[in-house]
C-alpha atoms as a PDB file:
ATOM      1  CA  ILE A   1      44.687 -20.106  54.681  1.00  0.00           C
ATOM      2  CA  ALA A   2      42.242 -21.976  52.598  1.00  0.00           C
ATOM      3  CA  PRO A   3      41.297 -20.257  49.024  1.00  0.00           C
ATOM      4  CA  GLN A   4      37.508 -20.372  50.069  1.00  0.00           C
ATOM      5  CA  THR A   5      38.339 -18.868  53.405  1.00  0.00           C
ATOM      6  CA  ALA A   6      40.449 -16.160  51.798  1.00  0.00           C
ATOM      7  CA  ILE A   7      37.652 -15.385  49.051  1.00  0.00           C
ATOM      8  CA  ALA A   8      35.178 -15.239  51.937  1.00  0.00           C
ATOM      9  CA  LYS A   9      37.057 -12.801  53.588  1.00  0.00           C
ATOM     10  CA  GLN A  10      37.505 -10.430  50.782  1.00  0.00           C
ATOM     11  CA  LEU A  11      33.907 -10.666  49.859  1.00  0.00           C
ATOM     12  CA  LYS A  12      32.428 -10.032  53.315  1.00  0.00           C
ATOM     13  CA  SER A  13      34.288  -6.929  53.584  1.00  0.00           C
ATOM     14  CA  LEU A  14      32.418  -5.473  50.689  1.00  0.00           C
ATOM     15  CA  VAL A  15      28.908  -6.518  51.850  1.00  0.00           C
ATOM     16  CA  GLY A  16      26.613  -3.232  52.437  1.00  0.00           C
ATOM     17  CA  LEU A  17      28.096  -1.030  49.813  1.00  0.00           C
ATOM     18  CA  ALA A  18      26.059   1.704  48.733  1.00  0.00           C
ATOM     19  CA  VAL A  19      25.997   1.962  44.880  1.00  0.00           C
ATOM     20  CA  VAL A  20      23.432   4.298  42.981  1.00  0.00           C
ATOM     21  CA  LEU A  21      22.592   3.314  39.328  1.00  0.00           C
ATOM     22  CA  LYS A  22      21.153   5.953  36.860  1.00  0.00           C
ATOM     23  CA  THR A  23      19.447   4.866  33.704  1.00  0.00           C
ATOM     24  CA  LYS A  24      17.564   5.816  30.828  1.00  0.00           C
ATOM     25  CA  THR A  25      13.811   4.966  30.424  1.00  0.00           C
ATOM     26  CA  SER A  26      14.929   2.169  28.086  1.00  0.00           C
ATOM     27  CA  GLY A  27      17.326   0.633  30.747  1.00  0.00           C
ATOM     28  CA  GLU A  28      20.464   1.904  29.213  1.00  0.00           C
ATOM     29  CA  ILE A  29      22.853   2.932  31.839  1.00  0.00           C
ATOM     30  CA  VAL A  30      23.888   6.560  32.137  1.00  0.00           C
ATOM     31  CA  ASP A  31      25.977   6.557  35.374  1.00  0.00           C
ATOM     32  CA  VAL A  32      27.109   4.538  38.447  1.00  0.00           C
ATOM     33  CA  GLU A  33      27.789   6.374  41.740  1.00  0.00           C
ATOM     34  CA  ILE A  34      29.679   4.987  44.666  1.00  0.00           C
ATOM     35  CA  ASP A  35      29.454   7.060  47.894  1.00  0.00           C
ATOM     36  CA  GLU A  36      32.717   8.191  49.699  1.00  0.00           C
ATOM     37  CA  ALA A  37      32.027   5.655  52.615  1.00  0.00           C
ATOM     38  CA  SER A  38      31.622   2.841  50.218  1.00  0.00           C
ATOM     39  CA  ALA A  39      34.690   3.797  48.203  1.00  0.00           C
ATOM     40  CA  GLU A  40      36.778   3.775  51.398  1.00  0.00           C
ATOM     41  CA  LYS A  41      35.492   0.303  52.523  1.00  0.00           C
ATOM     42  CA  ILE A  42      36.508  -0.922  49.085  1.00  0.00           C
ATOM     43  CA  ARG A  43      40.041   0.458  49.514  1.00  0.00           C
ATOM     44  CA  GLN A  44      40.365  -1.015  52.703  1.00  0.00           C
ATOM     45  CA  ALA A  45      39.365  -4.484  51.598  1.00  0.00           C
ATOM     46  CA  PRO A  46      41.860  -7.330  51.743  1.00  0.00           C
ATOM     47  CA  SER A  47      44.049  -7.157  48.830  1.00  0.00           C
ATOM     48  CA  ALA A  48      42.189  -8.912  45.759  1.00  0.00           C
ATOM     49  CA  THR A  49      43.017  -7.167  42.462  1.00  0.00           C
ATOM     50  CA  VAL A  50      40.110  -8.828  40.676  1.00  0.00           C
ATOM     51  CA  VAL A  51      37.730  -7.890  43.286  1.00  0.00           C
ATOM     52  CA  ARG A  52      38.805  -4.301  43.546  1.00  0.00           C
ATOM     53  CA  GLU A  53      38.685  -3.858  39.955  1.00  0.00           C
ATOM     54  CA  MET A  54      35.451  -5.389  39.903  1.00  0.00           C
ATOM     55  CA  MET A  55      33.977  -2.928  42.597  1.00  0.00           C
ATOM     56  CA  THR A  56      35.102   0.292  41.026  1.00  0.00           C
ATOM     57  CA  LYS A  57      33.210   2.719  39.299  1.00  0.00           C
ATOM     58  CA  GLU A  58      34.404   1.382  35.813  1.00  0.00           C
ATOM     59  CA  GLY A  59      34.209  -2.215  36.737  1.00  0.00           C
ATOM     60  CA  LEU A  60      30.470  -1.768  38.167  1.00  0.00           C
ATOM     61  CA  GLU A  61      29.575  -0.013  35.011  1.00  0.00           C
ATOM     62  CA  ARG A  62      30.796  -3.051  32.954  1.00  0.00           C
ATOM     63  CA  TRP A  63      29.247  -5.370  35.372  1.00  0.00           C
ATOM     64  CA  PHE A  64      25.654  -3.778  35.300  1.00  0.00           C
ATOM     65  CA  ARG A  65      25.760  -3.260  31.488  1.00  0.00           C
ATOM     66  CA  GLN A  66      25.967  -6.988  31.316  1.00  0.00           C
ATOM     67  CA  ALA A  67      23.234  -7.452  33.289  1.00  0.00           C
ATOM     68  CA  THR A  68      20.901  -4.731  32.524  1.00  0.00           C
ATOM     69  CA  PHE A  69      17.667  -5.172  30.552  1.00  0.00           C
ATOM     70  CA  ILE A  70      17.522  -2.715  27.518  1.00  0.00           C
ATOM     71  CA  LEU A  71      14.464  -1.819  25.478  1.00  0.00           C
ATOM     72  CA  PRO A  72      14.377  -1.089  21.855  1.00  0.00           C
ATOM     73  CA  GLU A  73      13.324   2.190  20.465  1.00  0.00           C
ATOM     74  CA  GLU A  74      10.339   0.633  18.514  1.00  0.00           C
ATOM     75  CA  GLU A  75       7.051  -0.265  19.776  1.00  0.00           C
ATOM     76  CA  ILE A  76       6.907  -3.836  20.844  1.00  0.00           C
ATOM     77  CA  SER A  77       4.124  -6.414  21.397  1.00  0.00           C
ATOM     78  CA  ARG A  78       4.195 -10.065  22.774  1.00  0.00           C
ATOM     79  CA  GLY A  79       6.313 -12.224  20.992  1.00  0.00           C
ATOM     80  CA  HIS A  80       8.498  -9.429  19.599  1.00  0.00           C
ATOM     81  CA  LEU A  81      12.168 -10.415  19.538  1.00  0.00           C
ATOM     82  CA  TRP A  82      15.206  -7.537  19.525  1.00  0.00           C
ATOM     83  CA  LYS A  83      18.765  -7.868  20.142  1.00  0.00           C
ATOM     84  CA  THR A  84      21.697  -5.712  21.758  1.00  0.00           C
ATOM     85  CA  THR A  85      25.398  -6.173  21.633  1.00  0.00           C
ATOM     86  CA  ILE A  86      27.888  -5.184  24.187  1.00  0.00           C
ATOM     87  CA  SER A  87      31.616  -5.374  24.421  1.00  0.00           C
ATOM     88  CA  LEU A  88      33.291  -7.592  27.172  1.00  0.00           C
ATOM     89  CA  ASP A  89      36.534  -7.568  28.847  1.00  0.00           C
ATOM     90  CA  GLY A  90      38.392  -9.952  31.446  1.00  0.00           C
ATOM     91  CA  VAL A  91      38.942 -13.432  30.330  1.00  0.00           C
ATOM     92  CA  LEU A  92      36.243 -12.670  27.390  1.00  0.00           C
ATOM     93  CA  GLY A  93      38.093  -9.523  26.442  1.00  0.00           C
ATOM     94  CA  GLY A  94      37.967  -8.777  22.614  1.00  0.00           C
ATOM     95  CA  ARG A  95      34.856 -10.668  22.249  1.00  0.00           C
ATOM     96  CA  THR A  96      31.107  -9.217  22.057  1.00  0.00           C
ATOM     97  CA  LEU A  97      27.818 -10.764  23.599  1.00  0.00           C
ATOM     98  CA  GLU A  98      24.867 -10.579  21.650  1.00  0.00           C
ATOM     99  CA  GLN A  99      21.666 -10.720  23.690  1.00  0.00           C
ATOM    100  CA  ARG A 100      18.488 -11.887  22.181  1.00  0.00           C
ATOM    101  CA  TYR A 101      15.227 -10.676  23.996  1.00  0.00           C
ATOM    102  CA  VAL A 102      11.920 -11.725  23.835  1.00  0.00           C
ATOM    103  CA  TRP A 103       8.458 -10.544  25.292  1.00  0.00           C
ATOM    104  CA  GLN A 104       7.099 -13.958  26.679  1.00  0.00           C
ATOM    105  CA  GLY A 105       3.984 -12.596  28.314  1.00  0.00           C
ATOM    106  CA  PRO A 106       2.082 -12.762  31.618  1.00  0.00           C
ATOM    107  CA  GLU A 107       3.544 -14.574  34.719  1.00  0.00           C
ATOM    108  CA  THR A 108       2.047 -14.863  38.105  1.00  0.00           C
ATOM    109  CA  ILE A 109       4.528 -14.531  40.955  1.00  0.00           C
ATOM    110  CA  ASP A 110       3.761 -14.353  44.695  1.00  0.00           C
ATOM    111  CA  ASN A 111      -0.178 -13.328  43.754  1.00  0.00           C
ATOM    112  CA  ARG A 112       1.213 -10.557  41.542  1.00  0.00           C
ATOM    113  CA  THR A 113       0.805 -10.784  37.611  1.00  0.00           C
ATOM    114  CA  VAL A 114       3.904  -9.496  35.800  1.00  0.00           C
ATOM    115  CA  GLU A 115       5.000  -9.426  31.964  1.00  0.00           C
ATOM    116  CA  ARG A 116       8.159 -11.674  31.641  1.00  0.00           C
ATOM    117  CA  PHE A 117      10.934 -11.223  28.968  1.00  0.00           C
ATOM    118  CA  VAL A 118      13.435 -13.887  28.436  1.00  0.00           C
ATOM    119  CA  VAL A 119      16.950 -13.462  27.412  1.00  0.00           C
ATOM    120  CA  GLN A 120      19.553 -15.510  25.867  1.00  0.00           C
ATOM    121  CA  SER A 121      23.262 -14.521  24.941  1.00  0.00           C
ATOM    122  CA  GLU A 122      25.467 -15.526  22.393  1.00  0.00           C
ATOM    123  CA  LEU A 123      29.338 -14.952  22.745  1.00  0.00           C
ATOM    124  CA  GLY A 124      31.324 -13.512  19.658  1.00  0.00           C
ATOM    125  CA  ALA A 125      34.230 -15.097  18.103  1.00  0.00           C
ATOM    126  CA  ALA A 126      37.703 -14.737  19.828  1.00  0.00           C
ATOM    127  CA  PRO A 127      40.109 -12.309  18.498  1.00  0.00           C
ATOM    128  CA  GLU A 128      42.709 -14.023  16.462  1.00  0.00           C
ATOM    129  CA  LEU A 129      46.035 -14.633  18.167  1.00  0.00           C
ATOM    130  CA  SER A 130      49.288 -13.544  16.725  1.00  0.00           C
ATOM    131  CA  ALA A 131      51.696 -16.190  15.793  1.00  0.00           C
ATOM    132  CA  ALA A 132      53.884 -15.068  18.703  1.00  0.00           C
ATOM    133  CA  ASP A 133      50.836 -15.396  21.179  1.00  0.00           C
ATOM    134  CA  THR A 134      49.980 -18.649  19.790  1.00  0.00           C
ATOM    135  CA  ALA A 135      53.418 -19.841  20.411  1.00  0.00           C
ATOM    136  CA  ARG A 136      53.349 -18.493  23.915  1.00  0.00           C
ATOM    137  CA  ARG A 137      50.027 -20.283  24.797  1.00  0.00           C
ATOM    138  CA  ALA A 138      51.418 -23.638  23.690  1.00  0.00           C
ATOM    139  CA  ALA A 139      54.506 -23.124  25.721  1.00  0.00           C
ATOM    140  CA  GLY A 140      52.123 -22.253  28.712  1.00  0.00           C
ATOM    141  CA  ASP A 141      53.050 -18.947  29.097  1.00  0.00           C
ATOM    142  CA  PRO A 142      50.636 -17.826  31.921  1.00  0.00           C
ATOM    143  CA  GLN A 143      50.265 -14.008  30.298  1.00  0.00           C
ATOM    144  CA  THR A 144      48.148 -15.590  27.452  1.00  0.00           C
ATOM    145  CA  PRO A 145      44.681 -15.585  27.865  1.00  0.00           C
ATOM    146  CA  PRO A 146      42.977 -19.032  28.360  1.00  0.00           C
ATOM    147  CA  GLU A 147      40.925 -20.659  25.761  1.00  0.00           C
ATOM    148  CA  VAL A 148      37.169 -20.531  26.116  1.00  0.00           C
ATOM    149  CA  LYS A 149      35.700 -24.022  25.637  1.00  0.00           C
ATOM    150  CA  SER A 150      32.112 -23.160  26.250  1.00  0.00           C
ATOM    151  CA  PHE A 151      29.644 -20.339  27.155  1.00  0.00           C
ATOM    152  CA  SER A 152      26.005 -19.976  27.945  1.00  0.00           C
ATOM    153  CA  GLU A 153      23.853 -17.380  29.505  1.00  0.00           C
ATOM    154  CA  THR A 154      20.134 -17.032  30.055  1.00  0.00           C
ATOM    155  CA  GLY A 155      17.819 -14.758  31.989  1.00  0.00           C
ATOM    156  CA  THR A 156      14.248 -13.531  32.763  1.00  0.00           C
ATOM    157  CA  PHE A 157      13.379  -9.920  33.680  1.00  0.00           C
ATOM    158  CA  ASP A 158       9.803  -9.186  35.144  1.00  0.00           C
ATOM    159  CA  PHE A 159       7.890  -5.906  34.379  1.00  0.00           C
ATOM    160  CA  ASP A 160       4.958  -4.839  36.648  1.00  0.00           C
ATOM    161  CA  PRO A 161       2.519  -3.389  34.802  1.00  0.00           C
ATOM    162  CA  GLN A 162       0.620  -1.665  37.661  1.00  0.00           C
ATOM    163  CA  LEU A 163       3.829   0.098  39.051  1.00  0.00           C
ATOM    164  CA  LYS A 164       5.249   0.573  35.433  1.00  0.00           C
ATOM    165  CA  ILE A 165       8.674  -0.636  36.432  1.00  0.00           C
ATOM    166  CA  PHE A 166      10.939  -4.014  35.934  1.00  0.00           C
ATOM    167  CA  VAL A 167      10.815  -5.415  39.523  1.00  0.00           C
ATOM    168  CA  GLU A 168      13.129  -8.439  39.185  1.00  0.00           C
ATOM    169  CA  GLY A 169      15.666  -9.796  36.902  1.00  0.00           C
ATOM    170  CA  THR A 170      17.921 -12.802  36.964  1.00  0.00           C
ATOM    171  CA  THR A 171      20.625 -14.385  35.017  1.00  0.00           C
ATOM    172  CA  GLU A 172      22.434 -17.692  34.883  1.00  0.00           C
ATOM    173  CA  THR A 173      26.021 -17.742  33.412  1.00  0.00           C
ATOM    174  CA  GLN A 174      28.285 -20.851  32.704  1.00  0.00           C
ATOM    175  CA  LEU A 175      31.725 -20.415  31.325  1.00  0.00           C
ATOM    176  CA  ALA A 176      34.439 -23.219  31.000  1.00  0.00           C
ATOM    177  CA  THR A 177      37.897 -22.079  29.946  1.00  0.00           C
ATOM    178  CA  LEU A 178      41.290 -23.965  29.550  1.00  0.00           C
ATOM    179  CA  GLY A 179      44.419 -22.468  30.516  1.00  0.00           C
ATOM    180  CA  ARG A 180      48.085 -23.628  30.462  1.00  0.00           C
ATOM    181  CA  PHE A 181      51.046 -22.804  33.044  1.00  0.00           C
ATOM    182  CA  ARG A 182      54.232 -24.531  31.787  1.00  0.00           C
ATOM    183  CA  GLU A 183      53.281 -28.196  31.804  1.00  0.00           C
ATOM    184  CA  LEU A 184      50.204 -27.787  33.608  1.00  0.00           C
ATOM    185  CA  GLU A 185      46.465 -27.598  32.001  1.00  0.00           C
ATOM    186  CA  ILE A 186      43.990 -25.784  33.860  1.00  0.00           C
ATOM    187  CA  ASP A 187      40.498 -26.740  33.138  1.00  0.00           C
ATOM    188  CA  THR A 188      38.104 -23.998  34.943  1.00  0.00           C
ATOM    189  CA  GLN A 189      34.380 -24.218  35.272  1.00  0.00           C
ATOM    190  CA  PHE A 190      32.584 -20.932  36.161  1.00  0.00           C
ATOM    191  CA  LYS A 191      29.165 -20.491  37.300  1.00  0.00           C
ATOM    192  CA  LYS A 192      27.198 -17.415  38.115  1.00  0.00           C
ATOM    193  CA  SER A 193      23.722 -16.400  39.412  1.00  0.00           C
ATOM    194  CA  THR A 194      22.750 -12.905  39.330  1.00  0.00           C
ATOM    195  CA  ARG A 195      19.458 -11.622  40.893  1.00  0.00           C
ATOM    196  CA  MET A 196      18.294  -7.825  41.030  1.00  0.00           C
ATOM    197  CA  ARG A 197      15.146  -7.217  42.646  1.00  0.00           C
ATOM    198  CA  VAL A 198      13.351  -3.994  43.652  1.00  0.00           C
ATOM    199  CA  ASN A 199      12.687  -3.860  47.187  1.00  0.00           C
ATOM    200  CA  ARG A 200      12.109   0.030  47.625  1.00  0.00           C
ATOM    201  CA  ILE A 201       9.769   1.895  45.284  1.00  0.00           C
ATOM    202  CA  MET A 202      10.723   5.620  45.240  1.00  0.00           C
ATOM    203  CA  ALA A 203       7.701   8.308  45.774  1.00  0.00           C
ATOM    204  CA  GLY A 204       7.503   9.266  41.930  1.00  0.00           C
ATOM    205  CA  ASN A 205       6.895   5.458  40.832  1.00  0.00           C
ATOM    206  CA  LYS A 206       4.021   4.919  42.898  1.00  0.00           C
END
């Protein structure tokens, strides 16, 4: 079976999951809930450790934290810049991600005026490898993490002043790594595009 077919089969089985995300008014995540029907769907999905880890309660919390817009405590105005820092896992485990936000100003989208915020992320330095891990990496030990060659992430978040909520957020991530397995060098280019859009307004927000 072709790799792309296997991946498509794994992801297709996860379509339609029900996830409830609870946040503070600042955007900081308080809790992520998965109902029992969705949890069972994840358990029955074709075996793919990475996908299953990502779709657990803990995995979803990490994923949403990396993609969620967080407001500062102080009052802000257009042009204001603020920063947040989060810890990463997976290939980038042991690093931090500093996110810089700027309130850019009004944009007209689909005949609706929103206030746009832009974000740019910078990856922190990698944790220093021990001499033993350095030797294992040079020898092509697959248990050592790959080297990160490049990383970039940018995004936008749109706030509707009439609804008083963020109605859409997008992020574009690019990551290049170099791994080794025995005599092989594995050059990986990863691109991810994430879009979160409000398609239902709860009665209390109207």
